[in-house]
Amino acid sequence: MRIVQREQGRGEGLSGSFIADLAASFQHTVTDVLVTKLFRAAEEVSAQQVLIAGGVSANTSLLASLQVANLTF
């Protein structure tokens, strides 16, 4: 919120590139948290496999992060 308030305070409004950068940063952060929590949960229960379903399974950024993290799904 402070970033948005700072940008609005400049009196120029929010540019399209600013909004796109903010959205990408938010998505990256949320994806990182989800991958971290998924790994922790899988380790806690000694899971051999993890199933990702529903709307989350359609998130290409999340799936790419899981592949990079070497999670087999």
C-alpha atoms as a PDB file:
ATOM      1  CA  MET A   1       0.000   0.000   0.000  1.00  0.00           C
ATOM      2  CA  ARG A   2       2.797   2.423   0.801  1.00  0.00           C
ATOM      3  CA  ILE A   3       4.260   1.982  -2.658  1.00  0.00           C
ATOM      4  CA  VAL A   4       0.912   2.842  -4.260  1.00  0.00           C
ATOM      5  CA  GLN A   5       0.427   5.808  -1.927  1.00  0.00           C
ATOM      6  CA  ARG A   6       3.924   7.069  -2.748  1.00  0.00           C
ATOM      7  CA  GLU A   7       3.267   6.837  -6.475  1.00  0.00           C
ATOM      8  CA  GLN A   8      -0.098   8.545  -6.150  1.00  0.00           C
ATOM      9  CA  GLY A   9       1.532  11.289  -4.089  1.00  0.00           C
ATOM     10  CA  ARG A  10       3.698  12.211  -7.044  1.00  0.00           C
ATOM     11  CA  GLY A  11       0.558  13.433  -8.775  1.00  0.00           C
ATOM     12  CA  GLU A  12       1.152  11.522 -11.972  1.00  0.00           C
ATOM     13  CA  GLY A  13      -1.244   8.659 -11.333  1.00  0.00           C
ATOM     14  CA  LEU A  14      -0.327   5.029 -11.665  1.00  0.00           C
ATOM     15  CA  SER A  15       1.255   4.054 -14.964  1.00  0.00           C
ATOM     16  CA  GLY A  16       0.485   0.799 -16.677  1.00  0.00           C
ATOM     17  CA  SER A  17       4.061  -0.382 -16.274  1.00  0.00           C
ATOM     18  CA  PHE A  18       3.967   0.422 -12.536  1.00  0.00           C
ATOM     19  CA  ILE A  19       0.778  -1.607 -12.096  1.00  0.00           C
ATOM     20  CA  ALA A  20       2.217  -4.493 -14.130  1.00  0.00           C
ATOM     21  CA  ASP A  21       5.449  -4.481 -12.089  1.00  0.00           C
ATOM     22  CA  LEU A  22       3.522  -4.376  -8.819  1.00  0.00           C
ATOM     23  CA  ALA A  23       1.264  -7.252  -9.896  1.00  0.00           C
ATOM     24  CA  ALA A  24       4.248  -9.339 -11.031  1.00  0.00           C
ATOM     25  CA  SER A  25       6.057  -8.708  -7.758  1.00  0.00           C
ATOM     26  CA  PHE A  26       2.971  -9.712  -5.778  1.00  0.00           C
ATOM     27  CA  GLN A  27       2.508 -12.894  -7.832  1.00  0.00           C
ATOM     28  CA  HIS A  28       6.178 -13.822  -7.400  1.00  0.00           C
ATOM     29  CA  THR A  29       5.982 -13.327  -3.627  1.00  0.00           C
ATOM     30  CA  VAL A  30       2.767 -15.322  -3.239  1.00  0.00           C
ATOM     31  CA  THR A  31       4.147 -18.114  -5.434  1.00  0.00           C
ATOM     32  CA  ASP A  32       7.346 -18.260  -3.375  1.00  0.00           C
ATOM     33  CA  VAL A  33       5.351 -18.524  -0.138  1.00  0.00           C
ATOM     34  CA  LEU A  34       3.093 -21.259  -1.549  1.00  0.00           C
ATOM     35  CA  VAL A  35       6.027 -23.340  -2.788  1.00  0.00           C
ATOM     36  CA  THR A  36       7.827 -22.978   0.548  1.00  0.00           C
ATOM     37  CA  LYS A  37       4.734 -23.970   2.535  1.00  0.00           C
ATOM     38  CA  LEU A  38       4.026 -26.886   0.210  1.00  0.00           C
ATOM     39  CA  PHE A  39       7.532 -28.278   0.711  1.00  0.00           C
ATOM     40  CA  ARG A  40       7.330 -27.850   4.477  1.00  0.00           C
ATOM     41  CA  ALA A  41       3.955 -29.590   4.657  1.00  0.00           C
ATOM     42  CA  ALA A  42       5.138 -32.453   2.449  1.00  0.00           C
ATOM     43  CA  GLU A  43       8.235 -32.933   4.605  1.00  0.00           C
ATOM     44  CA  GLU A  44       6.221 -32.861   7.837  1.00  0.00           C
ATOM     45  CA  VAL A  45       4.068 -35.790   6.742  1.00  0.00           C
ATOM     46  CA  SER A  46       6.804 -37.556   4.738  1.00  0.00           C
ATOM     47  CA  ALA A  47       4.689 -37.282   1.591  1.00  0.00           C
ATOM     48  CA  GLN A  48       5.903 -39.177  -1.445  1.00  0.00           C
ATOM     49  CA  GLN A  49       3.645 -37.209  -3.792  1.00  0.00           C
ATOM     50  CA  VAL A  50       1.693 -33.971  -3.798  1.00  0.00           C
ATOM     51  CA  LEU A  51      -1.465 -33.341  -5.785  1.00  0.00           C
ATOM     52  CA  ILE A  52      -2.272 -29.839  -6.952  1.00  0.00           C
ATOM     53  CA  ALA A  53      -5.844 -29.340  -8.118  1.00  0.00           C
ATOM     54  CA  GLY A  54      -8.479 -26.720  -8.710  1.00  0.00           C
ATOM     55  CA  GLY A  55      -7.788 -23.173  -9.782  1.00  0.00           C
ATOM     56  CA  VAL A  56      -4.317 -23.280  -8.268  1.00  0.00           C
ATOM     57  CA  SER A  57      -3.319 -25.986 -10.730  1.00  0.00           C
ATOM     58  CA  ALA A  58      -3.966 -23.579 -13.607  1.00  0.00           C
ATOM     59  CA  ASN A  59      -1.432 -21.032 -12.329  1.00  0.00           C
ATOM     60  CA  THR A  60       1.460 -21.316 -14.765  1.00  0.00           C
ATOM     61  CA  SER A  61       3.777 -19.270 -12.564  1.00  0.00           C
ATOM     62  CA  LEU A  62       3.215 -21.626  -9.632  1.00  0.00           C
ATOM     63  CA  LEU A  63       3.701 -24.723 -11.791  1.00  0.00           C
ATOM     64  CA  ALA A  64       6.918 -23.301 -13.227  1.00  0.00           C
ATOM     65  CA  SER A  65       8.220 -22.548  -9.728  1.00  0.00           C
ATOM     66  CA  LEU A  66       7.434 -26.084  -8.619  1.00  0.00           C
ATOM     67  CA  GLN A  67       9.276 -27.485 -11.617  1.00  0.00           C
ATOM     68  CA  VAL A  68      12.300 -25.302 -10.872  1.00  0.00           C
ATOM     69  CA  ALA A  69      12.166 -26.480  -7.254  1.00  0.00           C
ATOM     70  CA  ASN A  70      12.349 -30.031  -8.645  1.00  0.00           C
ATOM     71  CA  LEU A  71       9.030 -31.161  -7.247  1.00  0.00           C
ATOM     72  CA  THR A  72       7.559 -34.070  -9.146  1.00  0.00           C
ATOM     73  CA  PHE A  73       3.816 -33.785  -9.596  1.00  0.00           C
END
